[in-house]
């Protein structure tokens, strides 16, 4: 036995501490290691995310190739926003009424079908533009069913203790796909063409569906709720009665509307920073790089108990970074601030999702997740409108700076408005009666 007071014992203690710090510094893979069902879900999400990101590149490329219009490319966002908002509440009610795993599989098969439509249009003698708008709109509507179903399934699959780590793993997967797959898609389009790219996306969605089918069934606690307007009203009534959940959603909406000036990146990169198209591209990439780093080093997030305060601090950090970004004249400092903001956003996203999922009864998780999806999806679009309007009335720099300051003030105001959110404490020791035994 080693004497803890000896140099050897001290060395062992230091080594153990360094190992523990190392584990906290990287994303916690415990859910993958200990929950077989989550491994199937995670593997399925990997292929689905790859397919989605291929379409993120291929569809705008084809629209621009057919029309030569950047406005038409921009309208793709509107074509997706309307179905996303329209289907969101219905999607959440579906997730609380029917088998969530089956809904996930059906969603991926539907995505494969829309990718097949894109494929056939791309290989036609005269490809049309309108199918692109219709099919990406369907994709957005499907995501309003897919995301609430997946989010509602996750707590029962991994349990309360592992939920923050599982959410961090999901963030890692999502941000890795966003950082890597678009580049692969660009190479695939350039080397093989749009048709083969859409064909690969079809295969990705079908593989994802088959893997998700292996995920174990996790029955809704207390039984599913009958689909209908009363079900949707029940979800809205629950949200109305829970200021904690309202604050968790509103603080994200606040950051996206006021502190997400991506629509100004082209003007900021060229007119303000004096750069070119490469500079603009780097501005768009920087938050994603920071988010990926944040996800990969998120092991410590699962140990945070004062989750409400951590979210508030993360959103304030986002706003401060955006404000500093608005003041800078240095490209490198601008990229550093955007990357830092992306890192803060990942921390906020993991903890916000954990708060929402653990504060909602299992039979309501689909409906509350769908409302969250609508807010998260609509926020950046509203942010583009806000940033563009303020820039038009003042200047690009003032728009960015004022948005960052508004983000900080909004976070502080929401913290004061909801003491329950500000003082929310994560307790991993609470029981999980709804977690199913998995083999």
Protein backbone atom coordinates (compact mmCIF):
# COMPACT_ATOMS: atom_id res chain seq x y z
CA UNK A 1 0.00 0.00 0.00
CA UNK A 2 1.36 3.40 -0.97
CA UNK A 3 1.71 5.97 1.78
CA UNK A 4 -0.43 8.93 0.80
CA UNK A 5 1.99 11.16 2.65
CA UNK A 6 4.99 9.99 0.63
CA UNK A 7 6.13 11.52 -2.61
CA UNK A 8 4.78 8.44 -4.40
CA UNK A 9 1.40 8.82 -2.75
CA UNK A 10 1.30 12.50 -3.62
CA UNK A 11 2.23 11.65 -7.20
CA UNK A 12 -0.58 9.11 -7.38
CA UNK A 13 -3.03 11.67 -6.02
CA UNK A 14 -1.93 14.28 -8.54
CA UNK A 15 -2.14 11.74 -11.34
CA UNK A 16 -5.69 10.80 -10.36
CA UNK A 17 -6.67 14.44 -10.17
CA UNK A 18 -5.22 15.08 -13.63
CA UNK A 19 -7.09 12.07 -14.98
CA UNK A 20 -10.32 13.35 -13.44
CA UNK A 21 -9.75 16.80 -14.91
CA UNK A 22 -9.06 15.17 -18.26
CA UNK A 23 -12.39 13.35 -18.12
CA UNK A 24 -14.19 16.58 -17.28
CA UNK A 25 -12.44 18.40 -20.14
CA UNK A 26 -13.81 16.14 -22.87
CA UNK A 27 -17.34 15.20 -23.84
CA UNK A 28 -18.73 12.53 -21.52
CA UNK A 29 -19.39 9.34 -23.53
CA UNK A 30 -20.95 7.46 -20.61
CA UNK A 31 -24.40 7.28 -22.32
CA UNK A 32 -22.80 5.52 -25.30
CA UNK A 33 -20.90 3.18 -23.02
CA UNK A 34 -23.72 2.27 -20.63
CA UNK A 35 -26.98 2.58 -22.59
CA UNK A 36 -27.28 0.20 -25.58
CA UNK A 37 -30.46 1.87 -26.78
CA UNK A 38 -28.76 5.24 -26.93
CA UNK A 39 -25.98 3.74 -29.06
CA UNK A 40 -28.53 2.77 -31.71
CA UNK A 41 -30.18 6.20 -31.55
CA UNK A 42 -26.83 8.02 -31.74
CA UNK A 43 -25.68 5.92 -34.69
CA UNK A 44 -28.93 6.62 -36.50
CA UNK A 45 -28.63 10.35 -35.81
CA UNK A 46 -25.11 10.31 -37.28
CA UNK A 47 -26.36 9.16 -40.68
CA UNK A 48 -29.46 11.38 -40.58
CA UNK A 49 -27.37 14.46 -39.75
CA UNK A 50 -25.02 13.60 -42.62
CA UNK A 51 -27.97 13.38 -45.01
CA UNK A 52 -29.44 16.65 -43.79
CA UNK A 53 -26.16 18.52 -44.18
CA UNK A 54 -25.72 17.22 -47.72
CA UNK A 55 -29.10 18.74 -48.57
CA UNK A 56 -28.13 21.99 -46.81
CA UNK A 57 -25.43 22.41 -49.45
CA UNK A 58 -26.98 20.75 -52.50
CA UNK A 59 -30.36 22.49 -52.58
CA UNK A 60 -29.06 26.10 -52.45
CA UNK A 61 -26.39 25.21 -55.02
CA UNK A 62 -29.05 23.87 -57.37
CA UNK A 63 -31.41 26.82 -56.83
CA UNK A 64 -28.62 29.27 -57.61
CA UNK A 65 -27.52 27.23 -60.63
CA UNK A 66 -31.05 27.24 -62.02
CA UNK A 67 -31.96 30.87 -61.25
CA UNK A 68 -28.74 32.82 -60.75
CA UNK A 69 -30.63 34.67 -57.99
CA UNK A 70 -29.38 35.08 -54.44
CA UNK A 71 -32.90 36.24 -53.51
CA UNK A 72 -34.30 32.86 -54.56
CA UNK A 73 -31.68 31.15 -52.43
CA UNK A 74 -32.64 33.38 -49.50
CA UNK A 75 -36.31 32.49 -49.94
CA UNK A 76 -35.46 28.87 -49.17
CA UNK A 77 -35.33 29.95 -45.52
CA UNK A 78 -38.88 31.28 -45.69
CA UNK A 79 -40.00 28.10 -47.44
CA UNK A 80 -38.73 26.16 -44.43
CA UNK A 81 -39.84 28.53 -41.66
CA UNK A 82 -43.55 28.47 -42.50
CA UNK A 83 -43.93 24.63 -42.41
CA UNK A 84 -41.71 24.45 -39.33
CA UNK A 85 -43.97 26.78 -37.37
CA UNK A 86 -47.17 25.29 -38.80
CA UNK A 87 -46.31 21.69 -37.93
CA UNK A 88 -44.54 22.29 -34.61
CA UNK A 89 -47.52 22.09 -32.26
CA UNK A 90 -49.03 19.17 -34.16
CA UNK A 91 -45.67 17.39 -34.16
CA UNK A 92 -45.39 17.64 -30.40
CA UNK A 93 -48.91 16.32 -29.93
CA UNK A 94 -48.08 13.37 -32.21
CA UNK A 95 -44.97 12.63 -30.12
CA UNK A 96 -47.11 12.45 -26.97
CA UNK A 97 -49.88 10.40 -28.60
CA UNK A 98 -47.99 7.72 -30.56
CA UNK A 99 -44.92 5.53 -30.26
CA UNK A 100 -41.99 7.94 -30.41
CA UNK A 101 -39.56 5.46 -31.93
CA UNK A 102 -41.95 4.69 -34.79
CA UNK A 103 -42.41 8.41 -35.41
CA UNK A 104 -38.63 8.81 -35.63
CA UNK A 105 -38.35 6.00 -38.17
CA UNK A 106 -41.27 7.32 -40.24
CA UNK A 107 -39.68 10.79 -40.21
CA UNK A 108 -36.38 9.47 -41.61
CA UNK A 109 -38.15 7.44 -44.31
CA UNK A 110 -40.06 10.59 -45.28
CA UNK A 111 -36.79 12.50 -45.51
CA UNK A 112 -35.45 9.75 -47.78
CA UNK A 113 -38.56 10.14 -49.96
CA UNK A 114 -38.05 13.90 -50.29
CA UNK A 115 -34.38 13.31 -51.14
CA UNK A 116 -35.59 10.88 -53.81
CA UNK A 117 -37.80 13.65 -55.20
CA UNK A 118 -34.81 15.98 -55.30
CA UNK A 119 -32.82 13.25 -57.07
CA UNK A 120 -35.41 12.69 -59.79
CA UNK A 121 -35.78 16.43 -60.35
CA UNK A 122 -32.01 16.84 -60.63
CA UNK A 123 -31.63 14.15 -63.31
CA UNK A 124 -34.63 15.37 -65.34
CA UNK A 125 -34.02 16.86 -68.77
CA UNK A 126 -35.23 20.24 -67.50
CA UNK A 127 -35.01 20.43 -63.69
CA UNK A 128 -37.62 22.73 -62.16
CA UNK A 129 -37.18 25.17 -59.31
CA UNK A 130 -40.54 24.80 -57.57
CA UNK A 131 -39.97 21.18 -56.43
CA UNK A 132 -36.91 22.34 -54.49
CA UNK A 133 -38.99 24.79 -52.45
CA UNK A 134 -41.78 22.27 -51.89
CA UNK A 135 -39.46 19.45 -50.84
CA UNK A 136 -37.33 21.52 -48.44
CA UNK A 137 -40.59 22.79 -46.95
CA UNK A 138 -41.69 19.20 -46.36
CA UNK A 139 -38.29 18.49 -44.80
CA UNK A 140 -38.77 21.38 -42.38
CA UNK A 141 -42.23 20.13 -41.46
CA UNK A 142 -40.82 16.64 -40.85
CA UNK A 143 -38.16 18.10 -38.56
CA UNK A 144 -40.99 19.55 -36.44
CA UNK A 145 -42.06 15.94 -35.80
CA UNK A 146 -38.61 14.34 -35.72
CA UNK A 147 -37.02 16.67 -33.17
CA UNK A 148 -39.80 16.63 -30.52
CA UNK A 149 -40.04 12.84 -30.82
CA UNK A 150 -36.30 12.42 -30.30
CA UNK A 151 -36.14 14.93 -27.45
CA UNK A 152 -39.13 13.38 -25.68
CA UNK A 153 -37.68 9.87 -26.08
CA UNK A 154 -34.24 10.73 -24.70
CA UNK A 155 -34.93 11.19 -20.93
CA UNK A 156 -36.66 7.82 -20.67
CA UNK A 157 -33.89 6.19 -22.67
CA UNK A 158 -30.86 7.40 -20.72
CA UNK A 159 -32.28 8.55 -17.37
CA UNK A 160 -32.03 11.77 -15.39
CA UNK A 161 -28.41 11.33 -14.36
CA UNK A 162 -27.09 10.81 -17.89
CA UNK A 163 -29.39 13.27 -19.68
CA UNK A 164 -26.96 16.27 -19.68
CA UNK A 165 -24.19 14.03 -21.02
CA UNK A 166 -26.48 12.61 -23.71
CA UNK A 167 -27.51 16.13 -24.75
CA UNK A 168 -23.83 17.08 -24.93
CA UNK A 169 -23.19 14.04 -27.13
CA UNK A 170 -26.04 15.12 -29.41
CA UNK A 171 -24.55 18.62 -29.63
CA UNK A 172 -21.16 17.14 -30.47
CA UNK A 173 -22.68 15.05 -33.24
CA UNK A 174 -24.71 17.95 -34.65
CA UNK A 175 -21.83 20.43 -34.66
CA UNK A 176 -19.38 17.89 -36.10
CA UNK A 177 -21.82 17.25 -38.95
CA UNK A 178 -22.29 20.98 -39.55
CA UNK A 179 -18.53 21.53 -39.60
CA UNK A 180 -17.50 18.59 -41.78
CA UNK A 181 -20.34 17.35 -44.00
CA UNK A 182 -20.98 20.58 -45.98
CA UNK A 183 -17.37 20.50 -47.17
CA UNK A 184 -17.77 16.84 -48.15
CA UNK A 185 -20.99 17.77 -49.91
CA UNK A 186 -19.26 20.49 -51.88
CA UNK A 187 -16.58 18.05 -53.02
CA UNK A 188 -19.23 15.47 -53.91
CA UNK A 189 -21.23 17.99 -55.96
CA UNK A 190 -18.11 19.19 -57.76
CA UNK A 191 -16.81 15.69 -58.44
CA UNK A 192 -19.95 13.63 -59.09
CA UNK A 193 -22.80 16.09 -59.52
CA UNK A 194 -26.09 16.87 -57.80
CA UNK A 195 -27.80 13.58 -58.69
CA UNK A 196 -25.25 11.34 -56.95
CA UNK A 197 -25.19 13.73 -53.99
CA UNK A 198 -28.95 13.38 -53.53
CA UNK A 199 -28.58 9.61 -53.94
CA UNK A 200 -26.05 9.50 -51.10
CA UNK A 201 -28.48 11.54 -48.95
CA UNK A 202 -31.23 8.97 -49.64
CA UNK A 203 -28.91 6.20 -48.46
CA UNK A 204 -27.96 8.17 -45.33
CA UNK A 205 -31.61 8.63 -44.32
CA UNK A 206 -32.48 4.98 -44.90
CA UNK A 207 -29.48 3.74 -42.91
CA UNK A 208 -30.42 6.17 -40.14
CA UNK A 209 -34.00 4.86 -40.12
CA UNK A 210 -32.85 1.23 -39.89
CA UNK A 211 -30.53 2.00 -36.97
CA UNK A 212 -33.18 3.97 -35.09
CA UNK A 213 -35.52 1.01 -35.49
CA UNK A 214 -33.16 -0.91 -33.18
CA UNK A 215 -33.75 1.64 -30.41
CA UNK A 216 -35.87 0.04 -27.65
CA UNK A 217 -39.44 1.13 -27.12
CA UNK A 218 -39.82 3.60 -24.26
CA UNK A 219 -43.56 3.83 -23.51
CA UNK A 220 -44.80 7.27 -22.51
CA UNK A 221 -45.10 7.45 -18.72
CA UNK A 222 -48.75 7.32 -17.77
CA UNK A 223 -49.74 6.34 -21.31
CA UNK A 224 -49.96 8.42 -24.47
CA UNK A 225 -52.42 11.27 -24.88
CA UNK A 226 -55.12 11.23 -27.55
CA UNK A 227 -54.18 13.36 -30.55
CA UNK A 228 -56.37 16.45 -30.99
CA UNK A 229 -56.78 20.15 -30.29
CA UNK A 230 -57.36 19.42 -26.61
CA UNK A 231 -53.93 17.78 -26.50
CA UNK A 232 -52.30 20.85 -28.04
CA UNK A 233 -54.20 23.11 -25.64
CA UNK A 234 -53.01 21.01 -22.70
CA UNK A 235 -49.39 21.58 -23.73
CA UNK A 236 -49.89 25.33 -24.11
CA UNK A 237 -51.70 25.52 -20.77
CA UNK A 238 -48.84 23.71 -19.05
CA UNK A 239 -46.30 26.11 -20.57
CA UNK A 240 -48.42 29.08 -19.49
CA UNK A 241 -48.37 27.83 -15.88
CA UNK A 242 -44.59 27.25 -15.75
CA UNK A 243 -42.51 30.42 -15.65
CA UNK A 244 -39.35 28.32 -15.31
CA UNK A 245 -39.86 26.72 -18.73
CA UNK A 246 -41.00 29.99 -20.27
CA UNK A 247 -37.76 31.62 -19.11
CA UNK A 248 -35.65 28.75 -20.48
CA UNK A 249 -37.22 29.22 -23.93
CA UNK A 250 -37.35 33.03 -23.86
CA UNK A 251 -33.69 33.44 -22.92
CA UNK A 252 -32.74 31.48 -26.04
CA UNK A 253 -35.18 33.46 -28.18
CA UNK A 254 -33.68 36.66 -26.75
CA UNK A 255 -30.17 35.58 -27.78
CA UNK A 256 -31.24 34.49 -31.27
CA UNK A 257 -33.27 37.61 -32.06
CA UNK A 258 -30.86 40.24 -30.72
CA UNK A 259 -27.48 38.52 -30.66
CA UNK A 260 -27.43 36.54 -33.92
CA UNK A 261 -26.46 39.04 -36.67
CA UNK A 262 -25.55 36.45 -39.34
CA UNK A 263 -27.46 38.41 -42.00
CA UNK A 264 -24.91 41.20 -41.50
CA UNK A 265 -21.80 39.02 -41.95
CA UNK A 266 -21.37 39.81 -45.67
CA UNK A 267 -21.50 43.58 -45.03
CA UNK A 268 -19.46 43.36 -41.82
CA UNK A 269 -16.76 41.24 -43.41
CA UNK A 270 -16.31 43.49 -46.42
CA UNK A 271 -17.39 47.05 -45.54
CA UNK A 272 -16.42 47.03 -41.84
CA UNK A 273 -13.43 44.69 -41.71
CA UNK A 274 -12.25 45.48 -45.25
CA UNK A 275 -12.06 41.83 -46.22
CA UNK A 276 -13.41 39.77 -49.10
CA UNK A 277 -15.54 36.68 -49.66
CA UNK A 278 -13.01 34.56 -47.78
CA UNK A 279 -13.41 36.82 -44.74
CA UNK A 280 -17.18 36.49 -44.92
CA UNK A 281 -16.90 32.71 -45.12
CA UNK A 282 -14.68 32.68 -42.04
CA UNK A 283 -17.23 34.77 -40.12
CA UNK A 284 -19.95 32.25 -40.92
CA UNK A 285 -17.70 29.34 -39.92
CA UNK A 286 -16.33 30.77 -36.66
CA UNK A 287 -19.42 30.23 -34.42
CA UNK A 288 -19.66 26.65 -35.65
CA UNK A 289 -16.01 26.00 -34.87
CA UNK A 290 -16.46 27.41 -31.37
CA UNK A 291 -19.61 25.34 -30.90
CA UNK A 292 -17.81 22.17 -31.95
CA UNK A 293 -14.95 22.86 -29.53
CA UNK A 294 -17.49 23.53 -26.80
CA UNK A 295 -19.30 20.28 -27.48
CA UNK A 296 -16.09 18.25 -27.57
CA UNK A 297 -14.96 19.71 -24.23
CA UNK A 298 -18.34 19.53 -22.50
CA UNK A 299 -17.63 16.77 -19.99
CA UNK A 300 -17.76 19.27 -17.13
CA UNK A 301 -21.28 20.43 -18.05
CA UNK A 302 -22.84 17.30 -16.55
CA UNK A 303 -21.41 18.31 -13.14
CA UNK A 304 -23.10 21.74 -13.10
CA UNK A 305 -25.81 21.89 -10.43
CA UNK A 306 -26.79 25.58 -10.67
CA UNK A 307 -27.97 25.11 -14.22
CA UNK A 308 -30.21 28.18 -14.38
CA UNK A 309 -27.41 30.54 -13.43
CA UNK A 310 -25.05 28.78 -15.83
CA UNK A 311 -27.48 29.37 -18.70
CA UNK A 312 -27.84 33.04 -17.77
CA UNK A 313 -24.06 33.46 -17.62
CA UNK A 314 -23.65 31.67 -20.96
CA UNK A 315 -26.17 33.94 -22.69
CA UNK A 316 -24.57 37.02 -21.15
CA UNK A 317 -21.19 35.75 -22.40
CA UNK A 318 -22.73 35.36 -25.87
CA UNK A 319 -24.03 38.95 -25.79
CA UNK A 320 -20.72 40.36 -24.54
CA UNK A 321 -18.85 38.49 -27.28
CA UNK A 322 -21.20 39.86 -29.95
CA UNK A 323 -20.83 43.38 -28.57
CA UNK A 324 -17.03 43.10 -28.68
CA UNK A 325 -17.33 41.68 -32.20
CA UNK A 326 -19.27 44.77 -33.23
CA UNK A 327 -16.54 47.11 -31.98
CA UNK A 328 -13.54 45.35 -33.53
CA UNK A 329 -11.58 46.23 -36.64
CA UNK A 330 -9.41 43.09 -36.46
CA UNK A 331 -10.41 40.02 -38.42
CA UNK A 332 -8.66 37.68 -36.00
CA UNK A 333 -10.34 39.25 -32.96
CA UNK A 334 -13.70 39.12 -34.74
CA UNK A 335 -13.26 35.39 -35.41
CA UNK A 336 -12.16 34.79 -31.82
CA UNK A 337 -15.27 36.52 -30.46
CA UNK A 338 -17.60 34.60 -32.77
CA UNK A 339 -15.94 31.32 -31.81
CA UNK A 340 -16.27 32.19 -28.11
CA UNK A 341 -19.94 32.99 -28.69
CA UNK A 342 -20.42 29.59 -30.35
CA UNK A 343 -18.80 27.90 -27.35
CA UNK A 344 -21.10 29.75 -24.94
CA UNK A 345 -24.13 28.84 -27.05
CA UNK A 346 -23.40 25.10 -26.80
CA UNK A 347 -23.13 25.29 -23.01
CA UNK A 348 -26.40 27.20 -22.88
CA UNK A 349 -28.12 24.76 -25.27
CA UNK A 350 -27.14 21.65 -23.32
CA UNK A 351 -28.28 23.05 -19.99
CA UNK A 352 -31.46 24.67 -21.34
CA UNK A 353 -32.58 21.43 -22.93
CA UNK A 354 -31.84 19.54 -19.71
CA UNK A 355 -33.89 22.03 -17.67
CA UNK A 356 -36.84 21.82 -20.05
CA UNK A 357 -36.82 18.03 -20.38
CA UNK A 358 -36.46 17.41 -16.63
CA UNK A 359 -39.11 19.99 -15.70
CA UNK A 360 -41.82 18.52 -17.93
CA UNK A 361 -43.85 15.34 -17.23
CA UNK A 362 -43.05 12.58 -19.70
CA UNK A 363 -46.52 12.65 -21.27
CA UNK A 364 -46.04 16.35 -22.16
CA UNK A 365 -42.43 16.27 -23.36
CA UNK A 366 -43.28 16.03 -27.06
CA UNK A 367 -45.56 19.06 -27.01
CA UNK A 368 -43.17 21.22 -24.98
CA UNK A 369 -40.24 20.15 -27.16
CA UNK A 370 -42.21 21.17 -30.26
CA UNK A 371 -42.78 24.67 -28.84
CA UNK A 372 -39.06 24.86 -28.13
CA UNK A 373 -38.33 23.78 -31.73
CA UNK A 374 -40.60 26.55 -33.06
CA UNK A 375 -38.84 29.16 -30.93
CA UNK A 376 -35.36 27.90 -31.77
CA UNK A 377 -36.18 27.68 -35.47
CA UNK A 378 -37.93 31.02 -35.74
CA UNK A 379 -35.48 32.99 -33.58
CA UNK A 380 -32.59 33.18 -36.08
CA UNK A 381 -34.97 34.19 -38.89
CA UNK A 382 -36.41 36.97 -36.72
CA UNK A 383 -32.84 37.88 -35.77
CA UNK A 384 -31.93 38.36 -39.43
CA UNK A 385 -34.93 40.67 -39.82
CA UNK A 386 -34.08 42.66 -36.67
CA UNK A 387 -30.40 43.01 -37.55
CA UNK A 388 -31.12 44.03 -41.14
CA UNK A 389 -33.76 46.58 -40.15
CA UNK A 390 -31.55 48.24 -37.49
CA UNK A 391 -28.59 48.29 -39.90
CA UNK A 392 -30.75 49.95 -42.54
CA UNK A 393 -31.82 52.66 -40.08
CA UNK A 394 -28.37 53.16 -38.50
CA UNK A 395 -25.29 51.22 -39.58
CA UNK A 396 -23.99 47.67 -39.66
CA UNK A 397 -21.69 48.24 -36.68
CA UNK A 398 -24.40 49.88 -34.56
CA UNK A 399 -26.79 47.05 -35.36
CA UNK A 400 -24.32 44.41 -34.14
CA UNK A 401 -23.35 46.35 -31.00
CA UNK A 402 -26.90 47.26 -30.02
CA UNK A 403 -28.01 43.66 -30.56
CA UNK A 404 -25.26 42.34 -28.27
CA UNK A 405 -26.17 44.83 -25.56
CA UNK A 406 -29.88 44.00 -25.91
CA UNK A 407 -29.02 40.30 -25.55
CA UNK A 408 -27.22 40.96 -22.25
CA UNK A 409 -30.00 43.19 -20.90
CA UNK A 410 -32.62 40.66 -21.95
CA UNK A 411 -30.82 37.85 -20.10
CA UNK A 412 -30.59 39.97 -16.95
CA UNK A 413 -34.27 40.95 -17.19
CA UNK A 414 -35.36 37.33 -17.61
CA UNK A 415 -33.23 36.29 -14.63
CA UNK A 416 -35.03 38.87 -12.48
CA UNK A 417 -38.43 37.94 -13.92
CA UNK A 418 -38.05 34.25 -13.07
CA UNK A 419 -36.28 33.55 -9.75
CA UNK A 420 -37.18 29.90 -10.23
CA UNK A 421 -35.11 29.77 -13.39
CA UNK A 422 -32.28 31.78 -11.87
CA UNK A 423 -32.10 29.45 -8.86
CA UNK A 424 -32.82 26.17 -10.66
CA UNK A 425 -30.71 23.33 -9.23
CA UNK A 426 -30.08 20.09 -11.12
CA UNK A 427 -30.45 17.04 -8.87
CA UNK A 428 -29.26 13.84 -10.59
CA UNK A 429 -30.24 11.80 -7.57
CA UNK A 430 -33.99 12.02 -8.17
CA UNK A 431 -35.56 8.71 -9.27
CA UNK A 432 -36.42 7.88 -12.87
CA UNK A 433 -39.47 5.61 -12.64
CA UNK A 434 -40.09 5.87 -16.38
CA UNK A 435 -36.65 4.65 -17.48
CA UNK A 436 -37.05 1.28 -19.18
CA UNK A 437 -34.71 -1.68 -18.72
CA UNK A 438 -32.64 -2.11 -21.86
CA UNK A 439 -30.83 -5.09 -23.25
